[in-house]
């Protein structure tokens, strides 16, 4: 089998099964594991999969920059953002992450809501300018332009001094084994700090993030209080996440 054919076989198996195991591919194709691992390395370098111990997972499409992510599952993100906004109660202090779904959450908060929103996303903060009853606390730091969020030591220090009711988290990948992941080391650190500073965490996940993985792990999926998905989220992708211990809310469930 030619290299090109092997790689196409690997990608087809990944799309069909949601993961590939190097040893299983080696046995199936009658090739050495070294050959399969080389193929996986090359496919990962091309951005076509995410290598993990023993094999590979689908790469997170949501690693595109902020403008690019606005085009991904836009209808789902509106539904998830609207449902997440209904979870914010008067008087609460909430963290809202960066990202396009988080912007939808902010956009759908009631104009008469009395609450405090803490965010490291200028995009989220701007959405809340016209909400007279919402106090906005903007966490500063170095602007990570790819995701339009503040990161670094200053942001970490500010987050450590806050206790929030709920953290609405955005990630690029949600996988039962690989966990909650994102595409940048400093972003992962910030997300972990926000989780630690909140009483509960609600992960906002459109369908392209389910079963996918990025390089940097935030925490296991079971560390989240809830995973909020859209009505379009496939049951097949949700089953292993439920088994891993995360409670799932669909945005059509009256959340």
C-alpha atoms as a PDB file:
ATOM      1  CA  UNK A   1       0.000   0.000   0.000  1.00  0.00           C
ATOM      2  CA  UNK A   2       1.364   3.404  -0.979  1.00  0.00           C
ATOM      3  CA  UNK A   3       1.956   6.057   1.656  1.00  0.00           C
ATOM      4  CA  UNK A   4      -0.846   8.210   0.233  1.00  0.00           C
ATOM      5  CA  UNK A   5      -3.260   5.259   0.412  1.00  0.00           C
ATOM      6  CA  UNK A   6      -2.249   4.463   3.988  1.00  0.00           C
ATOM      7  CA  UNK A   7      -2.832   8.010   5.086  1.00  0.00           C
ATOM      8  CA  UNK A   8      -6.221   8.140   3.413  1.00  0.00           C
ATOM      9  CA  UNK A   9      -7.118   4.850   5.112  1.00  0.00           C
ATOM     10  CA  UNK A  10      -6.120   6.309   8.487  1.00  0.00           C
ATOM     11  CA  UNK A  11      -8.178   9.462   7.946  1.00  0.00           C
ATOM     12  CA  UNK A  12     -11.194   7.445   6.792  1.00  0.00           C
ATOM     13  CA  UNK A  13     -10.961   5.214   9.890  1.00  0.00           C
ATOM     14  CA  UNK A  14     -10.648   8.298  12.080  1.00  0.00           C
ATOM     15  CA  UNK A  15     -13.758   9.852  10.564  1.00  0.00           C
ATOM     16  CA  UNK A  16     -15.691   6.583  10.889  1.00  0.00           C
ATOM     17  CA  UNK A  17     -14.631   5.537  14.404  1.00  0.00           C
ATOM     18  CA  UNK A  18     -13.665   8.800  16.101  1.00  0.00           C
ATOM     19  CA  UNK A  19     -10.199   7.496  16.975  1.00  0.00           C
ATOM     20  CA  UNK A  20      -7.439   5.260  15.642  1.00  0.00           C
ATOM     21  CA  UNK A  21      -5.023   2.999  17.525  1.00  0.00           C
ATOM     22  CA  UNK A  22      -1.561   2.498  16.044  1.00  0.00           C
ATOM     23  CA  UNK A  23      -1.322  -1.187  16.988  1.00  0.00           C
ATOM     24  CA  UNK A  24      -4.737  -1.988  15.521  1.00  0.00           C
ATOM     25  CA  UNK A  25      -3.811  -0.238  12.270  1.00  0.00           C
ATOM     26  CA  UNK A  26      -0.515  -2.088  12.226  1.00  0.00           C
ATOM     27  CA  UNK A  27      -2.276  -5.439  12.562  1.00  0.00           C
ATOM     28  CA  UNK A  28      -4.957  -4.542  10.040  1.00  0.00           C
ATOM     29  CA  UNK A  29      -2.539  -3.353   7.358  1.00  0.00           C
ATOM     30  CA  UNK A  30       0.263  -5.832   8.070  1.00  0.00           C
ATOM     31  CA  UNK A  31       2.762  -3.035   8.662  1.00  0.00           C
ATOM     32  CA  UNK A  32       5.091  -2.142  11.514  1.00  0.00           C
ATOM     33  CA  UNK A  33       3.898   0.196  14.244  1.00  0.00           C
ATOM     34  CA  UNK A  34       6.867   2.449  13.394  1.00  0.00           C
ATOM     35  CA  UNK A  35       5.440   2.944   9.900  1.00  0.00           C
ATOM     36  CA  UNK A  36       1.991   3.774  11.279  1.00  0.00           C
ATOM     37  CA  UNK A  37       3.428   6.149  13.862  1.00  0.00           C
ATOM     38  CA  UNK A  38       5.396   7.924  11.126  1.00  0.00           C
ATOM     39  CA  UNK A  39       2.210   8.348   9.121  1.00  0.00           C
ATOM     40  CA  UNK A  40       0.449   9.725  12.204  1.00  0.00           C
ATOM     41  CA  UNK A  41       3.271  12.198  12.837  1.00  0.00           C
ATOM     42  CA  UNK A  42       3.117  13.438   9.257  1.00  0.00           C
ATOM     43  CA  UNK A  43      -0.676  13.747   9.306  1.00  0.00           C
ATOM     44  CA  UNK A  44      -0.473  15.636  12.599  1.00  0.00           C
ATOM     45  CA  UNK A  45       2.106  18.012  11.093  1.00  0.00           C
ATOM     46  CA  UNK A  46      -0.381  18.701   8.288  1.00  0.00           C
ATOM     47  CA  UNK A  47      -3.042  19.540  10.892  1.00  0.00           C
ATOM     48  CA  UNK A  48      -5.238  16.580   9.937  1.00  0.00           C
ATOM     49  CA  UNK A  49      -5.337  14.780  13.287  1.00  0.00           C
ATOM     50  CA  UNK A  50      -4.259  15.091  16.925  1.00  0.00           C
ATOM     51  CA  UNK A  51      -1.789  12.486  18.120  1.00  0.00           C
ATOM     52  CA  UNK A  52      -2.362  10.947  21.536  1.00  0.00           C
ATOM     53  CA  UNK A  53      -0.697   8.082  23.368  1.00  0.00           C
ATOM     54  CA  UNK A  54      -1.125   4.957  21.271  1.00  0.00           C
ATOM     55  CA  UNK A  55      -2.920   6.563  18.339  1.00  0.00           C
ATOM     56  CA  UNK A  56      -4.797   9.672  17.226  1.00  0.00           C
ATOM     57  CA  UNK A  57      -8.043  11.637  17.582  1.00  0.00           C
ATOM     58  CA  UNK A  58      -9.842  14.075  15.283  1.00  0.00           C
ATOM     59  CA  UNK A  59      -8.173  17.460  15.345  1.00  0.00           C
ATOM     60  CA  UNK A  60     -10.248  20.297  16.783  1.00  0.00           C
ATOM     61  CA  UNK A  61     -11.633  22.403  13.937  1.00  0.00           C
ATOM     62  CA  UNK A  62     -12.287  25.152  16.481  1.00  0.00           C
ATOM     63  CA  UNK A  63      -8.582  26.022  16.623  1.00  0.00           C
ATOM     64  CA  UNK A  64      -9.135  28.512  13.801  1.00  0.00           C
ATOM     65  CA  UNK A  65      -8.683  32.165  14.707  1.00  0.00           C
ATOM     66  CA  UNK A  66     -11.575  34.207  16.138  1.00  0.00           C
ATOM     67  CA  UNK A  67     -12.820  35.380  12.737  1.00  0.00           C
ATOM     68  CA  UNK A  68     -12.635  31.858  11.333  1.00  0.00           C
ATOM     69  CA  UNK A  69     -14.502  30.353  14.281  1.00  0.00           C
ATOM     70  CA  UNK A  70     -17.414  32.716  13.683  1.00  0.00           C
ATOM     71  CA  UNK A  71     -18.187  30.682  10.565  1.00  0.00           C
ATOM     72  CA  UNK A  72     -18.247  27.321  12.387  1.00  0.00           C
ATOM     73  CA  UNK A  73     -21.654  26.007  13.527  1.00  0.00           C
ATOM     74  CA  UNK A  74     -22.963  29.561  13.846  1.00  0.00           C
ATOM     75  CA  UNK A  75     -26.586  28.463  14.319  1.00  0.00           C
ATOM     76  CA  UNK A  76     -25.614  26.061  17.079  1.00  0.00           C
ATOM     77  CA  UNK A  77     -23.605  28.748  18.835  1.00  0.00           C
ATOM     78  CA  UNK A  78     -26.573  31.099  18.892  1.00  0.00           C
ATOM     79  CA  UNK A  79     -28.769  28.363  20.427  1.00  0.00           C
ATOM     80  CA  UNK A  80     -26.133  27.443  23.007  1.00  0.00           C
ATOM     81  CA  UNK A  81     -25.460  31.087  23.858  1.00  0.00           C
ATOM     82  CA  UNK A  82     -29.162  31.790  24.323  1.00  0.00           C
ATOM     83  CA  UNK A  83     -29.575  28.750  26.610  1.00  0.00           C
ATOM     84  CA  UNK A  84     -26.455  29.640  28.609  1.00  0.00           C
ATOM     85  CA  UNK A  85     -27.780  33.178  29.145  1.00  0.00           C
ATOM     86  CA  UNK A  86     -30.868  31.700  30.809  1.00  0.00           C
ATOM     87  CA  UNK A  87     -28.613  29.999  33.375  1.00  0.00           C
ATOM     88  CA  UNK A  88     -27.348  33.333  34.712  1.00  0.00           C
ATOM     89  CA  UNK A  89     -29.427  34.391  37.723  1.00  0.00           C
ATOM     90  CA  UNK A  90     -29.879  37.862  39.259  1.00  0.00           C
ATOM     91  CA  UNK A  91     -27.184  38.767  41.750  1.00  0.00           C
ATOM     92  CA  UNK A  92     -24.675  36.194  40.544  1.00  0.00           C
ATOM     93  CA  UNK A  93     -21.014  36.713  39.765  1.00  0.00           C
ATOM     94  CA  UNK A  94     -20.129  34.767  36.627  1.00  0.00           C
ATOM     95  CA  UNK A  95     -17.017  34.223  34.549  1.00  0.00           C
ATOM     96  CA  UNK A  96     -17.564  34.324  30.790  1.00  0.00           C
ATOM     97  CA  UNK A  97     -14.759  32.910  28.686  1.00  0.00           C
ATOM     98  CA  UNK A  98     -13.562  34.185  25.336  1.00  0.00           C
ATOM     99  CA  UNK A  99     -14.758  32.790  22.028  1.00  0.00           C
ATOM    100  CA  UNK A 100     -17.611  33.094  19.596  1.00  0.00           C
ATOM    101  CA  UNK A 101     -20.133  31.096  21.655  1.00  0.00           C
ATOM    102  CA  UNK A 102     -19.319  33.216  24.701  1.00  0.00           C
ATOM    103  CA  UNK A 103     -20.090  36.329  22.659  1.00  0.00           C
ATOM    104  CA  UNK A 104     -23.500  34.841  21.868  1.00  0.00           C
ATOM    105  CA  UNK A 105     -24.063  34.217  25.587  1.00  0.00           C
ATOM    106  CA  UNK A 106     -23.313  37.868  26.397  1.00  0.00           C
ATOM    107  CA  UNK A 107     -25.488  39.035  23.511  1.00  0.00           C
ATOM    108  CA  UNK A 108     -28.500  37.130  24.874  1.00  0.00           C
ATOM    109  CA  UNK A 109     -28.304  38.215  28.515  1.00  0.00           C
ATOM    110  CA  UNK A 110     -31.490  40.114  29.463  1.00  0.00           C
ATOM    111  CA  UNK A 111     -31.141  43.873  29.318  1.00  0.00           C
ATOM    112  CA  UNK A 112     -32.653  44.181  32.803  1.00  0.00           C
ATOM    113  CA  UNK A 113     -30.408  41.570  34.450  1.00  0.00           C
ATOM    114  CA  UNK A 114     -28.634  42.640  37.641  1.00  0.00           C
ATOM    115  CA  UNK A 115     -25.407  40.639  37.862  1.00  0.00           C
ATOM    116  CA  UNK A 116     -21.622  40.847  37.647  1.00  0.00           C
ATOM    117  CA  UNK A 117     -19.745  39.456  34.661  1.00  0.00           C
ATOM    118  CA  UNK A 118     -16.010  38.892  34.909  1.00  0.00           C
ATOM    119  CA  UNK A 119     -14.298  38.255  31.588  1.00  0.00           C
ATOM    120  CA  UNK A 120     -10.842  38.300  30.030  1.00  0.00           C
ATOM    121  CA  UNK A 121     -12.421  38.815  26.610  1.00  0.00           C
ATOM    122  CA  UNK A 122     -12.713  42.373  25.257  1.00  0.00           C
ATOM    123  CA  UNK A 123     -15.254  41.050  22.722  1.00  0.00           C
ATOM    124  CA  UNK A 124     -17.540  39.859  25.525  1.00  0.00           C
ATOM    125  CA  UNK A 125     -17.081  43.082  27.500  1.00  0.00           C
ATOM    126  CA  UNK A 126     -18.111  45.212  24.510  1.00  0.00           C
ATOM    127  CA  UNK A 127     -21.311  43.186  24.086  1.00  0.00           C
ATOM    128  CA  UNK A 128     -22.337  44.203  27.614  1.00  0.00           C
ATOM    129  CA  UNK A 129     -21.853  47.976  27.319  1.00  0.00           C
ATOM    130  CA  UNK A 130     -25.595  48.570  26.895  1.00  0.00           C
ATOM    131  CA  UNK A 131     -26.596  46.331  29.840  1.00  0.00           C
ATOM    132  CA  UNK A 132     -27.062  48.954  32.536  1.00  0.00           C
ATOM    133  CA  UNK A 133     -27.582  46.438  35.337  1.00  0.00           C
ATOM    134  CA  UNK A 134     -24.546  44.280  34.606  1.00  0.00           C
ATOM    135  CA  UNK A 135     -21.284  45.271  36.239  1.00  0.00           C
ATOM    136  CA  UNK A 136     -18.472  44.234  33.920  1.00  0.00           C
ATOM    137  CA  UNK A 137     -15.052  43.391  35.336  1.00  0.00           C
ATOM    138  CA  UNK A 138     -12.507  43.125  32.536  1.00  0.00           C
ATOM    139  CA  UNK A 139      -9.461  41.031  33.438  1.00  0.00           C
ATOM    140  CA  UNK A 140      -6.301  42.435  31.896  1.00  0.00           C
ATOM    141  CA  UNK A 141      -3.041  40.973  30.695  1.00  0.00           C
ATOM    142  CA  UNK A 142      -1.310  40.247  27.417  1.00  0.00           C
ATOM    143  CA  UNK A 143      -3.804  40.137  24.554  1.00  0.00           C
ATOM    144  CA  UNK A 144      -3.652  36.771  22.803  1.00  0.00           C
ATOM    145  CA  UNK A 145      -4.859  38.028  19.442  1.00  0.00           C
ATOM    146  CA  UNK A 146      -5.676  34.600  18.000  1.00  0.00           C
ATOM    147  CA  UNK A 147      -8.509  34.173  20.519  1.00  0.00           C
ATOM    148  CA  UNK A 148      -9.006  37.813  21.564  1.00  0.00           C
ATOM    149  CA  UNK A 149      -8.466  37.107  25.271  1.00  0.00           C
ATOM    150  CA  UNK A 150      -6.065  38.291  27.964  1.00  0.00           C
ATOM    151  CA  UNK A 151      -3.513  35.751  29.179  1.00  0.00           C
ATOM    152  CA  UNK A 152      -0.383  35.744  31.321  1.00  0.00           C
ATOM    153  CA  UNK A 153       0.626  36.399  34.911  1.00  0.00           C
ATOM    154  CA  UNK A 154      -1.483  39.539  35.397  1.00  0.00           C
ATOM    155  CA  UNK A 155      -4.641  37.729  34.297  1.00  0.00           C
ATOM    156  CA  UNK A 156      -3.852  34.739  36.521  1.00  0.00           C
ATOM    157  CA  UNK A 157      -3.327  36.989  39.554  1.00  0.00           C
ATOM    158  CA  UNK A 158      -6.621  38.824  39.010  1.00  0.00           C
ATOM    159  CA  UNK A 159      -8.602  35.589  38.605  1.00  0.00           C
ATOM    160  CA  UNK A 160      -7.143  34.167  41.826  1.00  0.00           C
ATOM    161  CA  UNK A 161      -8.758  37.029  43.796  1.00  0.00           C
ATOM    162  CA  UNK A 162     -12.322  36.299  42.648  1.00  0.00           C
ATOM    163  CA  UNK A 163     -14.942  33.734  43.700  1.00  0.00           C
ATOM    164  CA  UNK A 164     -17.597  33.247  41.022  1.00  0.00           C
ATOM    165  CA  UNK A 165     -20.842  31.299  40.995  1.00  0.00           C
ATOM    166  CA  UNK A 166     -20.453  29.899  37.483  1.00  0.00           C
ATOM    167  CA  UNK A 167     -17.784  29.783  34.798  1.00  0.00           C
ATOM    168  CA  UNK A 168     -19.023  29.512  31.224  1.00  0.00           C
ATOM    169  CA  UNK A 169     -16.119  27.863  29.477  1.00  0.00           C
ATOM    170  CA  UNK A 170     -15.202  27.630  25.817  1.00  0.00           C
ATOM    171  CA  UNK A 171     -12.874  24.906  24.561  1.00  0.00           C
ATOM    172  CA  UNK A 172     -11.713  23.616  21.193  1.00  0.00           C
ATOM    173  CA  UNK A 173     -12.120  19.936  22.042  1.00  0.00           C
ATOM    174  CA  UNK A 174     -14.277  17.799  24.351  1.00  0.00           C
ATOM    175  CA  UNK A 175     -13.249  14.154  24.494  1.00  0.00           C
ATOM    176  CA  UNK A 176     -14.089  11.480  27.069  1.00  0.00           C
ATOM    177  CA  UNK A 177     -10.451  10.374  27.390  1.00  0.00           C
ATOM    178  CA  UNK A 178      -8.434  13.373  26.180  1.00  0.00           C
ATOM    179  CA  UNK A 179     -10.499  15.748  28.330  1.00  0.00           C
ATOM    180  CA  UNK A 180     -11.287  19.429  27.848  1.00  0.00           C
ATOM    181  CA  UNK A 181      -8.616  20.811  25.543  1.00  0.00           C
ATOM    182  CA  UNK A 182      -7.547  23.982  23.802  1.00  0.00           C
ATOM    183  CA  UNK A 183      -4.942  24.995  21.261  1.00  0.00           C
ATOM    184  CA  UNK A 184      -2.668  27.199  23.387  1.00  0.00           C
ATOM    185  CA  UNK A 185      -0.706  26.580  26.594  1.00  0.00           C
ATOM    186  CA  UNK A 186      -1.432  29.944  28.227  1.00  0.00           C
ATOM    187  CA  UNK A 187      -5.115  29.734  27.365  1.00  0.00           C
ATOM    188  CA  UNK A 188      -5.257  26.321  29.019  1.00  0.00           C
ATOM    189  CA  UNK A 189      -3.689  27.766  32.177  1.00  0.00           C
ATOM    190  CA  UNK A 190      -6.219  30.619  32.272  1.00  0.00           C
ATOM    191  CA  UNK A 191      -9.152  28.243  31.797  1.00  0.00           C
ATOM    192  CA  UNK A 192      -7.863  26.003  34.583  1.00  0.00           C
ATOM    193  CA  UNK A 193      -7.597  29.017  36.910  1.00  0.00           C
ATOM    194  CA  UNK A 194     -11.132  30.131  36.046  1.00  0.00           C
ATOM    195  CA  UNK A 195     -12.472  26.641  36.801  1.00  0.00           C
ATOM    196  CA  UNK A 196     -10.713  26.657  40.172  1.00  0.00           C
ATOM    197  CA  UNK A 197     -12.200  30.055  41.056  1.00  0.00           C
ATOM    198  CA  UNK A 198     -15.829  29.137  40.227  1.00  0.00           C
ATOM    199  CA  UNK A 199     -18.338  27.037  42.155  1.00  0.00           C
ATOM    200  CA  UNK A 200     -19.393  25.298  38.939  1.00  0.00           C
ATOM    201  CA  UNK A 201     -18.326  25.169  35.303  1.00  0.00           C
ATOM    202  CA  UNK A 202     -20.618  24.957  32.281  1.00  0.00           C
ATOM    203  CA  UNK A 203     -18.786  23.996  29.091  1.00  0.00           C
ATOM    204  CA  UNK A 204     -20.267  25.468  25.897  1.00  0.00           C
ATOM    205  CA  UNK A 205     -19.707  23.000  23.061  1.00  0.00           C
ATOM    206  CA  UNK A 206     -20.973  23.093  19.489  1.00  0.00           C
ATOM    207  CA  UNK A 207     -20.929  19.795  17.612  1.00  0.00           C
ATOM    208  CA  UNK A 208     -17.558  20.179  15.882  1.00  0.00           C
ATOM    209  CA  UNK A 209     -15.861  20.148  19.294  1.00  0.00           C
ATOM    210  CA  UNK A 210     -17.360  16.850  20.473  1.00  0.00           C
ATOM    211  CA  UNK A 211     -14.958  13.928  20.192  1.00  0.00           C
ATOM    212  CA  UNK A 212     -12.144  16.242  19.039  1.00  0.00           C
ATOM    213  CA  UNK A 213      -8.916  17.124  20.822  1.00  0.00           C
ATOM    214  CA  UNK A 214      -6.209  19.777  20.901  1.00  0.00           C
ATOM    215  CA  UNK A 215      -2.713  19.633  22.324  1.00  0.00           C
ATOM    216  CA  UNK A 216      -3.249  21.400  25.657  1.00  0.00           C
ATOM    217  CA  UNK A 217      -5.382  19.781  28.363  1.00  0.00           C
ATOM    218  CA  UNK A 218      -7.402  21.997  30.691  1.00  0.00           C
ATOM    219  CA  UNK A 219      -8.985  19.300  32.878  1.00  0.00           C
ATOM    220  CA  UNK A 220     -10.837  15.961  32.599  1.00  0.00           C
ATOM    221  CA  UNK A 221     -14.381  16.232  31.229  1.00  0.00           C
ATOM    222  CA  UNK A 222     -15.835  15.073  34.568  1.00  0.00           C
ATOM    223  CA  UNK A 223     -14.447  18.218  36.228  1.00  0.00           C
ATOM    224  CA  UNK A 224     -17.164  20.244  34.482  1.00  0.00           C
ATOM    225  CA  UNK A 225     -20.549  20.567  36.166  1.00  0.00           C
ATOM    226  CA  UNK A 226     -22.410  20.501  32.856  1.00  0.00           C
ATOM    227  CA  UNK A 227     -21.793  20.305  29.133  1.00  0.00           C
ATOM    228  CA  UNK A 228     -24.203  22.530  27.213  1.00  0.00           C
ATOM    229  CA  UNK A 229     -24.768  21.377  23.631  1.00  0.00           C
ATOM    230  CA  UNK A 230     -27.195  22.144  20.820  1.00  0.00           C
ATOM    231  CA  UNK A 231     -30.155  20.011  19.672  1.00  0.00           C
ATOM    232  CA  UNK A 232     -28.008  19.008  16.672  1.00  0.00           C
ATOM    233  CA  UNK A 233     -25.344  17.381  18.849  1.00  0.00           C
ATOM    234  CA  UNK A 234     -25.160  13.690  17.781  1.00  0.00           C
ATOM    235  CA  UNK A 235     -26.127  11.153  20.438  1.00  0.00           C
ATOM    236  CA  UNK A 236     -23.201   8.957  19.373  1.00  0.00           C
ATOM    237  CA  UNK A 237     -20.753  11.729  20.317  1.00  0.00           C
ATOM    238  CA  UNK A 238     -22.491  12.403  23.650  1.00  0.00           C
ATOM    239  CA  UNK A 239     -22.662   8.786  24.888  1.00  0.00           C
ATOM    240  CA  UNK A 240     -18.961   8.449  25.869  1.00  0.00           C
ATOM    241  CA  UNK A 241     -19.061  11.850  27.541  1.00  0.00           C
ATOM    242  CA  UNK A 242     -22.017  10.810  29.710  1.00  0.00           C
ATOM    243  CA  UNK A 243     -20.163   7.605  30.556  1.00  0.00           C
ATOM    244  CA  UNK A 244     -17.141   9.685  31.575  1.00  0.00           C
ATOM    245  CA  UNK A 245     -19.284  11.414  34.183  1.00  0.00           C
ATOM    246  CA  UNK A 246     -20.302  14.784  32.759  1.00  0.00           C
ATOM    247  CA  UNK A 247     -23.936  15.925  32.928  1.00  0.00           C
ATOM    248  CA  UNK A 248     -25.256  17.078  29.558  1.00  0.00           C
ATOM    249  CA  UNK A 249     -27.776  19.825  28.880  1.00  0.00           C
ATOM    250  CA  UNK A 250     -29.255  20.372  25.434  1.00  0.00           C
ATOM    251  CA  UNK A 251     -30.059  23.938  24.530  1.00  0.00           C
ATOM    252  CA  UNK A 252     -33.647  22.924  23.733  1.00  0.00           C
ATOM    253  CA  UNK A 253     -34.217  21.427  27.206  1.00  0.00           C
ATOM    254  CA  UNK A 254     -35.396  24.681  28.765  1.00  0.00           C
ATOM    255  CA  UNK A 255     -31.996  25.344  30.314  1.00  0.00           C
END
